[in-house]
Amino acid sequence: MAAAVKEKPFEARNYQGFVAGIFSGIAKLFVSLVAAPVEHVKARLQVQYAASKRERLYSGPVDCVCKIWRAHGIRGVYHGLSATLLFRAPTFFFLWSSYDMFSRWMRSSTALSAPAINFWAGGLSAQVFWSLAYPTDVVKQRIMTDPLGGSLGDGTPRFGRWKDAAMAVYRESGWKGYYRGFVPCALRAFPANAMALVAFEGVMRTLP
């Protein structure tokens, strides 16, 4: 009679990345409440291309917030919140879960030091994250730079819904439009995320 196969005991650590990914997504729901207006203001300032400051609608971030608030209230300041939630909450799950997966694989299959594992796992997980999240970021930028209209005098709004902005990208550039500018983003993300994880994990190892 064949010997029964002994089942491996449950190892909680194998699920840490999955759990961390879930809680990361939940945390990003709250982070978005702070990040959305900041990214909104930044996006509008970045598309002011007039050489002369007098020709620009906003003289700076404070002026931008004040003018949007006077014209559209808090709803105007938080324009693009839903797009920010869609960009941050679901996709950050893949950042942390893939980081855990790469880390565990490198610990078991390579002789790399802990900082080296943190570096490579952090950089690779950033590529996974942006490969999945970049299209939603492109749509988010479209929404955040769309004219608000009304007394603000910045033009006529084009996108009433997230779907409208997403379809506009496709009509203009096809599927490639969702990844326009991806290469510079990926080149920046690898070292930035890699070093951030090296620093984070290094601090965690020094704590009692």
C-alpha atoms as a PDB file:
ATOM      1  CA  MET A   1       0.000   0.000   0.000  1.00  0.00           C
ATOM      2  CA  ALA A   2       1.422   3.307  -1.036  1.00  0.00           C
ATOM      3  CA  ALA A   3       2.473   5.570   1.780  1.00  0.00           C
ATOM      4  CA  ALA A   4       0.223   8.510   2.348  1.00  0.00           C
ATOM      5  CA  VAL A   5       1.653  11.826   1.260  1.00  0.00           C
ATOM      6  CA  LYS A   6       2.304  13.992   4.261  1.00  0.00           C
ATOM      7  CA  GLU A   7       0.813  17.434   3.861  1.00  0.00           C
ATOM      8  CA  LYS A   8       2.997  20.408   4.582  1.00  0.00           C
ATOM      9  CA  PRO A   9       1.937  22.440   7.585  1.00  0.00           C
ATOM     10  CA  PHE A  10       0.328  25.788   7.018  1.00  0.00           C
ATOM     11  CA  GLU A  11       2.956  28.495   6.789  1.00  0.00           C
ATOM     12  CA  ALA A  12       1.555  31.917   7.526  1.00  0.00           C
ATOM     13  CA  ARG A  13       4.604  33.645   6.046  1.00  0.00           C
ATOM     14  CA  ASN A  14       3.675  32.373   2.578  1.00  0.00           C
ATOM     15  CA  TYR A  15       0.580  34.530   2.749  1.00  0.00           C
ATOM     16  CA  GLN A  16       2.199  37.646   4.130  1.00  0.00           C
ATOM     17  CA  GLY A  17       2.640  39.237   0.710  1.00  0.00           C
ATOM     18  CA  PHE A  18      -0.974  38.570  -0.217  1.00  0.00           C
ATOM     19  CA  VAL A  19      -2.242  40.023   3.066  1.00  0.00           C
ATOM     20  CA  ALA A  20       0.128  42.988   2.820  1.00  0.00           C
ATOM     21  CA  GLY A  21      -1.149  43.659  -0.684  1.00  0.00           C
ATOM     22  CA  ILE A  22      -4.761  43.664   0.479  1.00  0.00           C
ATOM     23  CA  PHE A  23      -4.111  46.018   3.386  1.00  0.00           C
ATOM     24  CA  SER A  24      -1.971  48.220   1.157  1.00  0.00           C
ATOM     25  CA  GLY A  25      -4.928  48.640  -1.183  1.00  0.00           C
ATOM     26  CA  ILE A  26      -7.206  49.478   1.735  1.00  0.00           C
ATOM     27  CA  ALA A  27      -4.688  51.992   3.080  1.00  0.00           C
ATOM     28  CA  LYS A  28      -4.491  53.679  -0.311  1.00  0.00           C
ATOM     29  CA  LEU A  29      -8.205  54.452  -0.082  1.00  0.00           C
ATOM     30  CA  PHE A  30      -7.382  56.791   2.800  1.00  0.00           C
ATOM     31  CA  VAL A  31      -4.106  58.005   1.299  1.00  0.00           C
ATOM     32  CA  SER A  32      -6.033  59.090  -1.792  1.00  0.00           C
ATOM     33  CA  LEU A  33      -7.992  61.597   0.287  1.00  0.00           C
ATOM     34  CA  VAL A  34      -4.729  63.486   0.761  1.00  0.00           C
ATOM     35  CA  ALA A  35      -3.018  62.570  -2.499  1.00  0.00           C
ATOM     36  CA  ALA A  36      -5.883  63.400  -4.874  1.00  0.00           C
ATOM     37  CA  PRO A  37      -5.995  67.194  -4.350  1.00  0.00           C
ATOM     38  CA  VAL A  38      -2.193  67.399  -4.287  1.00  0.00           C
ATOM     39  CA  GLU A  39      -1.887  65.491  -7.562  1.00  0.00           C
ATOM     40  CA  HIS A  40      -4.745  67.529  -9.022  1.00  0.00           C
ATOM     41  CA  VAL A  41      -2.989  70.838  -8.348  1.00  0.00           C
ATOM     42  CA  LYS A  42       0.351  69.472  -9.553  1.00  0.00           C
ATOM     43  CA  ALA A  43      -1.207  68.221 -12.791  1.00  0.00           C
ATOM     44  CA  ARG A  44      -2.771  71.607 -13.576  1.00  0.00           C
ATOM     45  CA  LEU A  45       0.436  73.496 -12.877  1.00  0.00           C
ATOM     46  CA  GLN A  46       2.443  71.124 -15.071  1.00  0.00           C
ATOM     47  CA  VAL A  47       0.335  71.824 -18.165  1.00  0.00           C
ATOM     48  CA  GLN A  48       0.749  75.604 -17.995  1.00  0.00           C
ATOM     49  CA  TYR A  49       3.013  76.091 -20.975  1.00  0.00           C
ATOM     50  CA  ALA A  50       2.890  79.884 -21.336  1.00  0.00           C
ATOM     51  CA  ALA A  51       6.373  81.396 -21.157  1.00  0.00           C
ATOM     52  CA  SER A  52       5.147  84.494 -19.347  1.00  0.00           C
ATOM     53  CA  LYS A  53       3.787  84.100 -15.816  1.00  0.00           C
ATOM     54  CA  ARG A  54       1.180  86.759 -16.565  1.00  0.00           C
ATOM     55  CA  GLU A  55      -0.331  84.533 -19.224  1.00  0.00           C
ATOM     56  CA  ARG A  56      -0.723  81.601 -16.854  1.00  0.00           C
ATOM     57  CA  LEU A  57      -4.008  80.989 -15.055  1.00  0.00           C
ATOM     58  CA  TYR A  58      -2.291  79.953 -11.823  1.00  0.00           C
ATOM     59  CA  SER A  59       0.744  81.635 -10.282  1.00  0.00           C
ATOM     60  CA  GLY A  60       1.451  78.709  -7.969  1.00  0.00           C
ATOM     61  CA  PRO A  61      -0.076  75.869  -5.946  1.00  0.00           C
ATOM     62  CA  VAL A  62      -1.785  78.100  -3.363  1.00  0.00           C
ATOM     63  CA  ASP A  63      -3.248  80.334  -6.059  1.00  0.00           C
ATOM     64  CA  CYS A  64      -4.438  77.232  -7.919  1.00  0.00           C
ATOM     65  CA  VAL A  65      -6.256  75.852  -4.868  1.00  0.00           C
ATOM     66  CA  CYS A  66      -7.833  79.218  -4.055  1.00  0.00           C
ATOM     67  CA  LYS A  67      -9.135  79.816  -7.575  1.00  0.00           C
ATOM     68  CA  ILE A  68     -10.540  76.303  -7.920  1.00  0.00           C
ATOM     69  CA  TRP A  69     -12.153  76.558  -4.475  1.00  0.00           C
ATOM     70  CA  ARG A  70     -13.808  79.890  -5.283  1.00  0.00           C
ATOM     71  CA  ALA A  71     -15.153  78.605  -8.596  1.00  0.00           C
ATOM     72  CA  HIS A  72     -16.086  75.018  -7.724  1.00  0.00           C
ATOM     73  CA  GLY A  73     -15.712  74.517  -3.981  1.00  0.00           C
ATOM     74  CA  ILE A  74     -14.335  71.376  -2.392  1.00  0.00           C
ATOM     75  CA  ARG A  75     -15.737  69.270  -5.223  1.00  0.00           C
ATOM     76  CA  GLY A  76     -13.471  71.122  -7.626  1.00  0.00           C
ATOM     77  CA  VAL A  77     -10.420  70.671  -5.408  1.00  0.00           C
ATOM     78  CA  TYR A  78     -11.126  66.936  -5.250  1.00  0.00           C
ATOM     79  CA  HIS A  79     -11.729  66.664  -8.990  1.00  0.00           C
ATOM     80  CA  GLY A  80     -10.226  63.330 -10.047  1.00  0.00           C
ATOM     81  CA  LEU A  81     -10.658  61.595  -6.688  1.00  0.00           C
ATOM     82  CA  SER A  82     -12.390  58.561  -8.191  1.00  0.00           C
ATOM     83  CA  ALA A  83      -9.611  58.247 -10.787  1.00  0.00           C
ATOM     84  CA  THR A  84      -7.028  58.422  -7.992  1.00  0.00           C
ATOM     85  CA  LEU A  85      -8.824  55.703  -6.049  1.00  0.00           C
ATOM     86  CA  LEU A  86      -8.921  53.486  -9.130  1.00  0.00           C
ATOM     87  CA  PHE A  87      -5.218  54.074  -9.740  1.00  0.00           C
ATOM     88  CA  ARG A  88      -4.037  53.493  -6.181  1.00  0.00           C
ATOM     89  CA  ALA A  89      -6.297  51.058  -4.344  1.00  0.00           C
ATOM     90  CA  PRO A  90      -6.370  47.989  -6.652  1.00  0.00           C
ATOM     91  CA  THR A  91      -2.903  48.224  -8.175  1.00  0.00           C
ATOM     92  CA  PHE A  92      -0.833  48.637  -5.001  1.00  0.00           C
ATOM     93  CA  PHE A  93      -1.869  45.102  -4.111  1.00  0.00           C
ATOM     94  CA  PHE A  94       0.394  43.888  -6.919  1.00  0.00           C
ATOM     95  CA  LEU A  95       3.311  46.026  -5.735  1.00  0.00           C
ATOM     96  CA  TRP A  96       3.563  44.452  -2.294  1.00  0.00           C
ATOM     97  CA  SER A  97       2.491  40.942  -3.197  1.00  0.00           C
ATOM     98  CA  SER A  98       5.036  40.783  -6.041  1.00  0.00           C
ATOM     99  CA  TYR A  99       7.720  42.257  -3.766  1.00  0.00           C
ATOM    100  CA  ASP A 100       7.111  39.474  -1.270  1.00  0.00           C
ATOM    101  CA  MET A 101       7.126  36.855  -4.027  1.00  0.00           C
ATOM    102  CA  PHE A 102      10.429  38.081  -5.513  1.00  0.00           C
ATOM    103  CA  SER A 103      11.983  38.363  -2.042  1.00  0.00           C
ATOM    104  CA  ARG A 104      11.078  34.816  -1.021  1.00  0.00           C
ATOM    105  CA  TRP A 105      12.265  33.405  -4.337  1.00  0.00           C
ATOM    106  CA  MET A 106      15.630  35.175  -4.085  1.00  0.00           C
ATOM    107  CA  ARG A 107      16.141  34.101  -0.479  1.00  0.00           C
ATOM    108  CA  SER A 108      15.570  30.460  -1.400  1.00  0.00           C
ATOM    109  CA  SER A 109      17.310  30.389  -4.791  1.00  0.00           C
ATOM    110  CA  THR A 110      20.221  32.823  -4.582  1.00  0.00           C
ATOM    111  CA  ALA A 111      23.075  33.728  -2.257  1.00  0.00           C
ATOM    112  CA  LEU A 112      22.371  37.454  -2.423  1.00  0.00           C
ATOM    113  CA  SER A 113      22.661  39.549   0.712  1.00  0.00           C
ATOM    114  CA  ALA A 114      19.529  40.961   2.327  1.00  0.00           C
ATOM    115  CA  PRO A 115      20.076  44.519   0.974  1.00  0.00           C
ATOM    116  CA  ALA A 116      20.684  43.128  -2.526  1.00  0.00           C
ATOM    117  CA  ILE A 117      17.465  41.118  -2.348  1.00  0.00           C
ATOM    118  CA  ASN A 118      15.600  44.219  -1.179  1.00  0.00           C
ATOM    119  CA  PHE A 119      17.062  46.182  -4.097  1.00  0.00           C
ATOM    120  CA  TRP A 120      16.230  43.711  -6.854  1.00  0.00           C
ATOM    121  CA  ALA A 121      12.861  42.686  -5.446  1.00  0.00           C
ATOM    122  CA  GLY A 122      11.929  46.334  -4.944  1.00  0.00           C
ATOM    123  CA  GLY A 123      12.904  47.286  -8.480  1.00  0.00           C
ATOM    124  CA  LEU A 124      11.171  44.317 -10.093  1.00  0.00           C
ATOM    125  CA  SER A 125       7.986  44.805  -8.085  1.00  0.00           C
ATOM    126  CA  ALA A 126       7.905  48.411  -9.289  1.00  0.00           C
ATOM    127  CA  GLN A 127       7.925  47.141 -12.875  1.00  0.00           C
ATOM    128  CA  VAL A 128       5.022  44.810 -12.108  1.00  0.00           C
ATOM    129  CA  PHE A 129       3.119  47.659 -10.473  1.00  0.00           C
ATOM    130  CA  TRP A 130       3.581  50.198 -13.252  1.00  0.00           C
ATOM    131  CA  SER A 131       2.931  47.661 -16.009  1.00  0.00           C
ATOM    132  CA  LEU A 132      -0.543  47.192 -14.535  1.00  0.00           C
ATOM    133  CA  ALA A 133      -1.189  50.660 -13.117  1.00  0.00           C
ATOM    134  CA  TYR A 134       0.139  52.902 -15.884  1.00  0.00           C
ATOM    135  CA  PRO A 135      -3.033  52.947 -18.030  1.00  0.00           C
ATOM    136  CA  THR A 136      -5.114  54.108 -15.064  1.00  0.00           C
ATOM    137  CA  ASP A 137      -2.532  56.805 -14.326  1.00  0.00           C
ATOM    138  CA  VAL A 138      -2.753  58.054 -17.915  1.00  0.00           C
ATOM    139  CA  VAL A 139      -6.525  58.335 -17.631  1.00  0.00           C
ATOM    140  CA  LYS A 140      -6.181  60.023 -14.232  1.00  0.00           C
ATOM    141  CA  GLN A 141      -3.920  62.673 -15.715  1.00  0.00           C
ATOM    142  CA  ARG A 142      -6.418  63.326 -18.495  1.00  0.00           C
ATOM    143  CA  ILE A 143      -9.174  63.884 -15.957  1.00  0.00           C
ATOM    144  CA  MET A 144      -7.084  66.079 -13.666  1.00  0.00           C
ATOM    145  CA  THR A 145      -5.997  68.354 -16.510  1.00  0.00           C
ATOM    146  CA  ASP A 146      -9.463  68.561 -18.061  1.00  0.00           C
ATOM    147  CA  PRO A 147     -10.908  72.106 -17.877  1.00  0.00           C
ATOM    148  CA  LEU A 148     -13.282  72.624 -14.974  1.00  0.00           C
ATOM    149  CA  GLY A 149     -15.198  75.361 -16.766  1.00  0.00           C
ATOM    150  CA  GLY A 150     -17.608  77.771 -15.137  1.00  0.00           C
ATOM    151  CA  SER A 151     -16.337  80.981 -13.572  1.00  0.00           C
ATOM    152  CA  LEU A 152     -12.802  79.592 -13.506  1.00  0.00           C
ATOM    153  CA  GLY A 153     -12.568  80.392 -17.205  1.00  0.00           C
ATOM    154  CA  ASP A 154     -10.176  77.603 -18.090  1.00  0.00           C
ATOM    155  CA  GLY A 155     -12.199  76.139 -20.963  1.00  0.00           C
ATOM    156  CA  THR A 156     -14.990  73.662 -21.583  1.00  0.00           C
ATOM    157  CA  PRO A 157     -14.929  70.328 -19.727  1.00  0.00           C
ATOM    158  CA  ARG A 158     -14.515  67.288 -21.983  1.00  0.00           C
ATOM    159  CA  PHE A 159     -14.884  64.359 -19.622  1.00  0.00           C
ATOM    160  CA  GLY A 160     -17.918  63.887 -17.435  1.00  0.00           C
ATOM    161  CA  ARG A 161     -16.929  60.381 -16.393  1.00  0.00           C
ATOM    162  CA  TRP A 162     -13.826  58.225 -16.069  1.00  0.00           C
ATOM    163  CA  LYS A 163     -15.044  56.160 -19.010  1.00  0.00           C
ATOM    164  CA  ASP A 164     -15.136  59.243 -21.240  1.00  0.00           C
ATOM    165  CA  ALA A 165     -11.468  59.996 -20.588  1.00  0.00           C
ATOM    166  CA  ALA A 166     -10.467  56.355 -21.088  1.00  0.00           C
ATOM    167  CA  MET A 167     -12.282  56.165 -24.420  1.00  0.00           C
ATOM    168  CA  ALA A 168     -10.735  59.467 -25.549  1.00  0.00           C
ATOM    169  CA  VAL A 169      -7.253  57.998 -25.074  1.00  0.00           C
ATOM    170  CA  TYR A 170      -8.205  54.978 -27.168  1.00  0.00           C
ATOM    171  CA  ARG A 171      -9.783  57.060 -29.947  1.00  0.00           C
ATOM    172  CA  GLU A 172      -6.722  59.274 -30.223  1.00  0.00           C
ATOM    173  CA  SER A 173      -3.926  56.692 -29.990  1.00  0.00           C
ATOM    174  CA  GLY A 174      -5.396  53.207 -29.687  1.00  0.00           C
ATOM    175  CA  TRP A 175      -4.050  50.805 -27.066  1.00  0.00           C
ATOM    176  CA  LYS A 176      -0.589  52.375 -27.320  1.00  0.00           C
ATOM    177  CA  GLY A 177      -2.013  55.573 -25.892  1.00  0.00           C
ATOM    178  CA  TYR A 178      -2.444  53.950 -22.499  1.00  0.00           C
ATOM    179  CA  TYR A 179       1.316  53.335 -22.331  1.00  0.00           C
ATOM    180  CA  ARG A 180       2.598  56.581 -23.799  1.00  0.00           C
ATOM    181  CA  GLY A 181       5.570  57.658 -21.703  1.00  0.00           C
ATOM    182  CA  PHE A 182       5.849  54.281 -19.991  1.00  0.00           C
ATOM    183  CA  VAL A 183       9.564  53.732 -20.666  1.00  0.00           C
ATOM    184  CA  PRO A 184      10.784  56.842 -18.789  1.00  0.00           C
ATOM    185  CA  CYS A 185       8.400  55.976 -15.965  1.00  0.00           C
ATOM    186  CA  ALA A 186       9.743  52.423 -15.730  1.00  0.00           C
ATOM    187  CA  LEU A 187      13.364  53.605 -15.850  1.00  0.00           C
ATOM    188  CA  ARG A 188      12.682  55.994 -12.992  1.00  0.00           C
ATOM    189  CA  ALA A 189      10.606  53.540 -10.968  1.00  0.00           C
ATOM    190  CA  PHE A 190      13.189  50.751 -10.782  1.00  0.00           C
ATOM    191  CA  PRO A 191      15.992  52.572  -8.929  1.00  0.00           C
ATOM    192  CA  ALA A 192      13.586  54.772  -6.941  1.00  0.00           C
ATOM    193  CA  ASN A 193      11.532  51.883  -5.587  1.00  0.00           C
ATOM    194  CA  ALA A 194      14.596  49.663  -5.195  1.00  0.00           C
ATOM    195  CA  MET A 195      16.426  52.173  -3.001  1.00  0.00           C
ATOM    196  CA  ALA A 196      13.257  52.989  -1.053  1.00  0.00           C
ATOM    197  CA  LEU A 197      12.840  49.315  -0.141  1.00  0.00           C
ATOM    198  CA  VAL A 198      16.532  48.964   0.735  1.00  0.00           C
ATOM    199  CA  ALA A 199      16.203  51.894   3.135  1.00  0.00           C
ATOM    200  CA  PHE A 200      12.886  50.695   4.568  1.00  0.00           C
ATOM    201  CA  GLU A 201      14.019  47.120   5.139  1.00  0.00           C
ATOM    202  CA  GLY A 202      17.348  48.319   6.529  1.00  0.00           C
ATOM    203  CA  VAL A 203      15.587  50.453   9.124  1.00  0.00           C
ATOM    204  CA  MET A 204      13.242  47.588  10.002  1.00  0.00           C
ATOM    205  CA  ARG A 205      16.215  45.272  10.597  1.00  0.00           C
ATOM    206  CA  THR A 206      17.790  47.737  13.026  1.00  0.00           C
ATOM    207  CA  LEU A 207      14.661  48.110  15.132  1.00  0.00           C
ATOM    208  CA  PRO A 208      14.441  45.966  18.286  1.00  0.00           C
END
